[in-house]
């Protein structure tokens, strides 16, 4: 059985009403919904997950759709749903679907006690095998250098079209900015001229409100002076080569005549890094690279990584610090082995 998500317009009317109530905006005295603070991305993904749950019920037991939402969610129905998901998607995706279903239920039916579902989500989390990423960790200086190299290439590429050069320059600038200030891809993609980016003296500054960040905390970054000339060049020349660039205020223009979406930005970054290193480095991995690089090169300043990532939870920074210590220990051990081998080789040669 391959279940498909039920479109919102085909949800039972009670579910549609409960969702709209949860999403309602307004002040605290005017019926603000329990999920009004969610980002658009969260709303879309959680709504899709709930739609998939309804699609499953339509095939598993259609009569359940005639019952109240609370009565549909039972250990048996959840168990059957998890079994189906495990046959269709990865364990990590199953965990996300169930977690998102719980999020939807908690805001759509806030009066009900959904605590029994939390241990289910935790068990699914334990079943997830983390994707190996250590082999894809690259020093941030190499990532920054890649960005600069792509921009230089765009300036001297003899055979590329003007738009091709603009795309190459834009991609290089995105990678350089990510290496210097590893923003989440959604935050990076929403940058608007004269709203989020400003020229202040000899450098550019990025300013984001709480609505632009995942943890709902405003952040502000000064970009390196090393990128000032590159940003000037992009804004003064290359951005204007994109179609309809003058009709929108997105910093990252696309060849389709609108701002580059978060998904398209993701694909450009992994494509360029795979071409350069032989393996892809997604935008989120730039964050791991940044803190690990800081921990290796400047361990006394490792706590600065919390500000660099816009993180309030120092456990994330500590995790990368431990990673860095492991890498350093391995490098030191290998250096000792290499030194001993050289000594032994010299001794044997003398003999």
Protein backbone atom coordinates (compact mmCIF):
# COMPACT_ATOMS: atom_id res chain seq x y z
CA UNK A 1 0.00 0.00 0.00
CA UNK A 2 1.48 3.31 -1.09
CA UNK A 3 -0.31 6.14 0.68
CA UNK A 4 -0.37 9.66 -0.73
CA UNK A 5 -0.99 12.86 1.15
CA UNK A 6 -4.56 14.13 1.08
CA UNK A 7 -4.68 17.74 -0.24
CA UNK A 8 -5.86 20.28 2.32
CA UNK A 9 -9.04 21.02 0.35
CA UNK A 10 -10.01 17.35 0.68
CA UNK A 11 -9.46 17.09 4.43
CA UNK A 12 -12.57 16.46 6.55
CA UNK A 13 -14.19 19.82 7.31
CA UNK A 14 -13.52 19.47 11.05
CA UNK A 15 -9.79 19.00 10.36
CA UNK A 16 -9.68 21.99 8.01
CA UNK A 17 -11.38 24.13 10.62
CA UNK A 18 -9.05 22.97 13.41
CA UNK A 19 -6.00 23.69 11.24
CA UNK A 20 -7.20 27.20 10.31
CA UNK A 21 -7.90 27.97 13.95
CA UNK A 22 -4.40 26.82 14.95
CA UNK A 23 -2.82 28.98 12.22
CA UNK A 24 -4.92 32.11 12.90
CA UNK A 25 -2.90 35.27 13.31
CA UNK A 26 -3.73 38.26 15.51
CA UNK A 27 -2.91 39.48 18.98
CA UNK A 28 -3.42 37.52 22.17
CA UNK A 29 -6.86 39.08 22.64
CA UNK A 30 -8.03 38.35 19.11
CA UNK A 31 -7.97 34.58 18.73
CA UNK A 32 -4.32 34.01 17.88
CA UNK A 33 -3.78 30.35 16.99
CA UNK A 34 -1.49 27.98 18.85
CA UNK A 35 0.76 27.68 15.77
CA UNK A 36 0.62 31.28 14.57
CA UNK A 37 4.31 31.67 15.44
CA UNK A 38 5.42 28.85 13.14
CA UNK A 39 7.45 29.73 10.08
CA UNK A 40 5.90 29.21 6.65
CA UNK A 41 8.27 26.30 6.07
CA UNK A 42 7.13 24.59 9.30
CA UNK A 43 3.49 25.16 8.47
CA UNK A 44 3.91 23.64 5.02
CA UNK A 45 5.86 20.58 6.14
CA UNK A 46 3.59 19.82 9.12
CA UNK A 47 0.44 20.30 7.05
CA UNK A 48 1.86 17.91 4.44
CA UNK A 49 2.63 15.35 7.16
CA UNK A 50 -0.92 15.57 8.51
CA UNK A 51 -2.25 15.21 4.98
CA UNK A 52 -0.18 12.05 4.58
CA UNK A 53 -1.68 10.70 7.81
CA UNK A 54 -5.18 11.32 6.42
CA UNK A 55 -4.18 9.66 3.16
CA UNK A 56 -3.05 6.60 5.12
CA UNK A 57 -6.33 6.47 7.05
CA UNK A 58 -8.26 6.65 3.79
CA UNK A 59 -6.65 3.37 2.72
CA UNK A 60 -6.10 1.70 6.10
CA UNK A 61 -9.59 2.25 7.50
CA UNK A 62 -11.75 4.80 5.63
CA UNK A 63 -14.45 4.69 8.31
CA UNK A 64 -12.00 6.34 10.73
CA UNK A 65 -12.24 9.54 8.69
CA UNK A 66 -15.86 9.82 9.81
CA UNK A 67 -14.78 9.84 13.45
CA UNK A 68 -13.34 12.68 15.48
CA UNK A 69 -9.61 13.32 15.07
CA UNK A 70 -8.89 12.16 18.62
CA UNK A 71 -10.60 8.80 18.05
CA UNK A 72 -8.53 8.07 14.93
CA UNK A 73 -5.19 8.33 16.72
CA UNK A 74 -4.76 5.06 18.59
CA UNK A 75 -1.75 2.84 19.31
CA UNK A 76 -3.03 0.40 16.67
CA UNK A 77 -3.50 2.99 13.92
CA UNK A 78 -0.17 4.68 14.71
CA UNK A 79 1.58 1.31 14.76
CA UNK A 80 0.13 0.39 11.37
CA UNK A 81 1.11 3.80 9.99
CA UNK A 82 4.70 3.43 11.19
CA UNK A 83 4.90 -0.06 9.70
CA UNK A 84 3.76 1.29 6.34
CA UNK A 85 6.18 4.23 6.45
CA UNK A 86 9.09 1.95 7.31
CA UNK A 87 8.38 -0.01 4.12
CA UNK A 88 8.29 3.15 2.01
CA UNK A 89 10.81 5.63 3.40
CA UNK A 90 13.99 5.85 5.47
CA UNK A 91 13.82 5.58 9.27
CA UNK A 92 14.71 9.26 9.59
CA UNK A 93 11.78 10.22 7.35
CA UNK A 94 9.40 8.03 9.36
CA UNK A 95 10.52 9.80 12.52
CA UNK A 96 9.91 13.20 10.92
CA UNK A 97 6.41 12.24 9.74
CA UNK A 98 5.36 11.02 13.20
CA UNK A 99 6.95 14.00 14.93
CA UNK A 100 5.16 16.39 12.54
CA UNK A 101 1.90 14.52 13.07
CA UNK A 102 2.30 15.03 16.82
CA UNK A 103 3.01 18.74 16.25
CA UNK A 104 -0.17 19.06 14.20
CA UNK A 105 -2.30 17.23 16.75
CA UNK A 106 -1.02 19.33 19.63
CA UNK A 107 -2.07 22.61 18.01
CA UNK A 108 -5.24 21.37 16.32
CA UNK A 109 -6.56 19.64 19.44
CA UNK A 110 -4.67 21.36 22.29
CA UNK A 111 -7.15 20.23 24.94
CA UNK A 112 -6.23 16.57 24.49
CA UNK A 113 -3.30 14.87 26.23
CA UNK A 114 -0.89 13.63 23.56
CA UNK A 115 1.94 12.67 25.91
CA UNK A 116 1.64 8.97 25.04
CA UNK A 117 2.91 9.77 21.53
CA UNK A 118 6.14 11.39 22.73
CA UNK A 119 7.84 8.08 23.69
CA UNK A 120 6.92 6.76 20.24
CA UNK A 121 8.75 9.66 18.60
CA UNK A 122 11.75 9.15 20.91
CA UNK A 123 11.94 5.44 20.03
CA UNK A 124 11.89 6.31 16.35
CA UNK A 125 14.69 8.83 16.94
CA UNK A 126 16.82 6.08 18.51
CA UNK A 127 16.26 3.90 15.44
CA UNK A 128 17.71 6.52 13.12
CA UNK A 129 21.29 5.86 12.05
CA UNK A 130 23.00 9.25 11.67
CA UNK A 131 24.35 9.95 8.21
CA UNK A 132 28.13 9.87 8.22
CA UNK A 133 29.50 13.34 7.56
CA UNK A 134 32.99 13.33 9.02
CA UNK A 135 34.51 12.42 5.65
CA UNK A 136 32.78 15.46 4.12
CA UNK A 137 34.15 17.95 6.64
CA UNK A 138 36.31 20.58 4.96
CA UNK A 139 38.27 23.41 6.55
CA UNK A 140 36.29 26.64 6.15
CA UNK A 141 39.28 28.36 4.58
CA UNK A 142 39.10 25.89 1.68
CA UNK A 143 35.40 26.61 1.26
CA UNK A 144 36.06 30.35 1.30
CA UNK A 145 38.87 29.92 -1.24
CA UNK A 146 36.52 27.93 -3.48
CA UNK A 147 34.05 30.79 -3.47
CA UNK A 148 36.75 33.30 -4.36
CA UNK A 149 38.10 31.01 -7.11
CA UNK A 150 34.66 30.71 -8.73
CA UNK A 151 34.26 34.49 -8.77
CA UNK A 152 37.70 34.94 -10.33
CA UNK A 153 36.81 32.29 -12.91
CA UNK A 154 33.62 34.17 -13.80
CA UNK A 155 35.65 37.30 -14.52
CA UNK A 156 38.08 35.58 -16.90
CA UNK A 157 35.94 32.79 -18.43
CA UNK A 158 36.30 33.37 -22.19
CA UNK A 159 33.52 31.16 -23.56
CA UNK A 160 30.69 31.61 -21.07
CA UNK A 161 27.65 33.75 -21.84
CA UNK A 162 27.01 36.87 -19.74
CA UNK A 163 24.30 34.99 -17.82
CA UNK A 164 26.59 31.98 -17.37
CA UNK A 165 29.26 34.24 -15.89
CA UNK A 166 26.69 35.86 -13.60
CA UNK A 167 25.53 32.45 -12.31
CA UNK A 168 29.13 31.37 -11.68
CA UNK A 169 29.92 34.61 -9.84
CA UNK A 170 26.73 34.42 -7.78
CA UNK A 171 27.41 30.81 -6.78
CA UNK A 172 30.96 31.69 -5.75
CA UNK A 173 29.74 34.61 -3.66
CA UNK A 174 27.12 32.43 -1.96
CA UNK A 175 29.77 29.86 -1.02
CA UNK A 176 32.18 32.52 0.26
CA UNK A 177 29.45 34.14 2.38
CA UNK A 178 28.41 30.71 3.74
CA UNK A 179 32.01 29.86 4.62
CA UNK A 180 32.45 33.16 6.46
CA UNK A 181 28.99 33.33 8.06
CA UNK A 182 27.30 29.89 7.95
CA UNK A 183 23.66 30.91 7.85
CA UNK A 184 20.84 28.42 7.51
CA UNK A 185 19.80 28.16 3.89
CA UNK A 186 16.32 29.65 4.41
CA UNK A 187 17.78 32.66 6.17
CA UNK A 188 20.43 33.04 3.47
CA UNK A 189 17.84 32.79 0.70
CA UNK A 190 15.51 35.49 2.10
CA UNK A 191 18.10 38.28 2.00
CA UNK A 192 16.53 41.37 0.47
CA UNK A 193 18.33 44.51 -0.65
CA UNK A 194 18.06 47.47 1.73
CA UNK A 195 16.25 45.25 4.24
CA UNK A 196 18.71 42.57 5.30
CA UNK A 197 22.00 43.73 3.76
CA UNK A 198 23.55 47.18 4.20
CA UNK A 199 26.87 48.75 3.28
CA UNK A 200 28.39 50.34 6.39
CA UNK A 201 31.75 51.97 5.82
CA UNK A 202 34.19 49.44 4.39
CA UNK A 203 32.04 46.35 4.97
CA UNK A 204 28.57 44.93 4.50
CA UNK A 205 26.29 44.03 7.38
CA UNK A 206 23.55 41.37 7.46
CA UNK A 207 20.61 42.04 9.77
CA UNK A 208 17.81 39.52 10.33
CA UNK A 209 14.70 39.87 12.47
CA UNK A 210 13.27 37.04 14.55
CA UNK A 211 10.88 36.21 11.69
CA UNK A 212 13.83 35.35 9.44
CA UNK A 213 15.56 32.84 11.73
CA UNK A 214 14.74 29.28 12.77
CA UNK A 215 15.15 29.87 16.50
CA UNK A 216 13.19 33.16 16.32
CA UNK A 217 16.18 35.15 17.55
CA UNK A 218 17.30 38.29 15.68
CA UNK A 219 20.89 38.09 14.46
CA UNK A 220 23.35 40.54 12.96
CA UNK A 221 26.62 39.77 11.18
CA UNK A 222 29.38 41.93 9.76
CA UNK A 223 30.67 40.32 6.58
CA UNK A 224 34.46 40.19 6.13
CA UNK A 225 36.02 43.22 4.50
CA UNK A 226 37.59 40.69 2.10
CA UNK A 227 34.14 40.31 0.51
CA UNK A 228 33.31 44.00 0.16
CA UNK A 229 34.79 44.36 -3.32
CA UNK A 230 33.13 41.11 -4.45
CA UNK A 231 29.71 42.24 -3.21
CA UNK A 232 30.18 45.63 -4.85
CA UNK A 233 31.02 43.89 -8.12
CA UNK A 234 28.05 41.53 -7.87
CA UNK A 235 25.57 44.28 -7.08
CA UNK A 236 27.01 46.72 -9.58
CA UNK A 237 27.42 44.34 -12.50
CA UNK A 238 26.62 40.64 -12.28
CA UNK A 239 23.23 40.83 -10.55
CA UNK A 240 21.96 43.05 -13.35
CA UNK A 241 22.72 40.33 -15.91
CA UNK A 242 19.93 38.13 -14.51
CA UNK A 243 16.53 38.52 -16.19
CA UNK A 244 14.09 40.81 -14.36
CA UNK A 245 16.66 41.51 -11.65
CA UNK A 246 15.48 45.12 -11.51
CA UNK A 247 11.92 43.99 -10.71
CA UNK A 248 12.66 42.26 -7.40
CA UNK A 249 14.81 42.97 -4.36
CA UNK A 250 16.22 39.49 -3.74
CA UNK A 251 19.99 39.56 -3.26
CA UNK A 252 20.43 36.22 -5.00
CA UNK A 253 18.83 36.60 -8.43
CA UNK A 254 17.99 33.54 -10.49
CA UNK A 255 17.92 32.79 -14.21
CA UNK A 256 14.12 32.38 -13.94
CA UNK A 257 13.62 36.08 -13.27
CA UNK A 258 12.91 35.88 -9.55
CA UNK A 259 14.88 35.51 -6.29
CA UNK A 260 16.73 32.23 -5.89
CA UNK A 261 14.67 29.89 -3.72
CA UNK A 262 16.08 28.04 -0.71
CA UNK A 263 15.86 24.75 -2.61
CA UNK A 264 17.64 26.11 -5.67
CA UNK A 265 20.34 27.65 -3.46
CA UNK A 266 20.85 24.25 -1.83
CA UNK A 267 21.26 22.57 -5.20
CA UNK A 268 23.75 25.17 -6.44
CA UNK A 269 25.95 24.77 -3.36
CA UNK A 270 26.07 20.97 -3.42
CA UNK A 271 26.73 20.99 -7.17
CA UNK A 272 29.68 23.41 -6.92
CA UNK A 273 31.23 21.70 -3.90
CA UNK A 274 30.91 18.23 -5.42
CA UNK A 275 32.62 19.48 -8.57
CA UNK A 276 35.45 20.96 -6.51
CA UNK A 277 35.99 18.28 -3.83
CA UNK A 278 34.49 15.12 -5.31
CA UNK A 279 31.71 15.05 -2.69
CA UNK A 280 28.89 17.43 -1.91
CA UNK A 281 28.82 19.80 1.06
CA UNK A 282 25.32 21.03 1.77
CA UNK A 283 24.70 24.48 3.29
CA UNK A 284 23.99 23.06 6.75
CA UNK A 285 27.30 21.20 6.75
CA UNK A 286 29.05 24.57 6.37
CA UNK A 287 27.99 25.17 9.98
CA UNK A 288 29.73 22.00 11.16
CA UNK A 289 32.82 22.93 9.15
CA UNK A 290 32.89 26.44 10.62
CA UNK A 291 32.78 25.42 14.28
CA UNK A 292 35.17 22.49 13.82
CA UNK A 293 37.62 24.77 11.99
CA UNK A 294 37.37 27.29 14.83
CA UNK A 295 37.90 24.58 17.45
CA UNK A 296 41.01 23.29 15.67
CA UNK A 297 42.62 26.61 14.81
CA UNK A 298 41.48 28.73 17.77
CA UNK A 299 40.30 26.38 20.54
CA UNK A 300 40.46 29.19 23.10
CA UNK A 301 37.71 30.96 21.12
CA UNK A 302 35.49 27.94 20.51
CA UNK A 303 32.55 29.45 22.44
CA UNK A 304 32.46 32.20 19.83
CA UNK A 305 30.98 29.49 17.62
CA UNK A 306 27.65 29.92 19.43
CA UNK A 307 27.41 33.45 18.08
CA UNK A 308 28.68 32.39 14.68
CA UNK A 309 25.84 29.87 14.33
CA UNK A 310 23.22 31.98 16.08
CA UNK A 311 23.01 29.17 18.65
CA UNK A 312 21.99 29.54 22.27
CA UNK A 313 22.55 25.86 23.09
CA UNK A 314 26.24 25.35 23.92
CA UNK A 315 25.89 21.57 23.68
CA UNK A 316 26.09 21.87 19.90
CA UNK A 317 29.34 23.82 20.18
CA UNK A 318 30.74 21.33 22.70
CA UNK A 319 29.98 18.46 20.31
CA UNK A 320 32.05 20.08 17.56
CA UNK A 321 34.81 20.90 20.02
CA UNK A 322 35.03 17.19 20.88
CA UNK A 323 35.09 16.37 17.16
CA UNK A 324 37.95 18.79 16.71
CA UNK A 325 39.88 17.27 19.61
CA UNK A 326 39.42 13.81 18.05
CA UNK A 327 40.74 15.07 14.72
CA UNK A 328 43.71 16.77 16.39
CA UNK A 329 44.51 13.65 18.41
CA UNK A 330 44.39 11.52 15.29
CA UNK A 331 46.64 13.95 13.41
CA UNK A 332 49.12 14.06 16.31
CA UNK A 333 49.18 10.28 16.55
CA UNK A 334 49.81 9.96 12.83
CA UNK A 335 52.61 12.53 13.04
CA UNK A 336 54.32 10.45 15.73
CA UNK A 337 53.99 7.28 13.65
CA UNK A 338 55.37 9.04 10.57
CA UNK A 339 58.31 10.40 12.57
CA UNK A 340 59.13 6.96 13.95
CA UNK A 341 58.93 5.43 10.48
CA UNK A 342 61.33 8.03 9.10
CA UNK A 343 63.79 7.34 11.92
CA UNK A 344 63.56 3.58 11.34
CA UNK A 345 64.04 4.02 7.59
CA UNK A 346 67.12 6.19 8.19
CA UNK A 347 68.57 3.63 10.65
CA UNK A 348 68.04 0.76 8.21
CA UNK A 349 69.67 2.77 5.42
CA UNK A 350 72.76 3.41 7.53
CA UNK A 351 73.01 -0.28 8.33
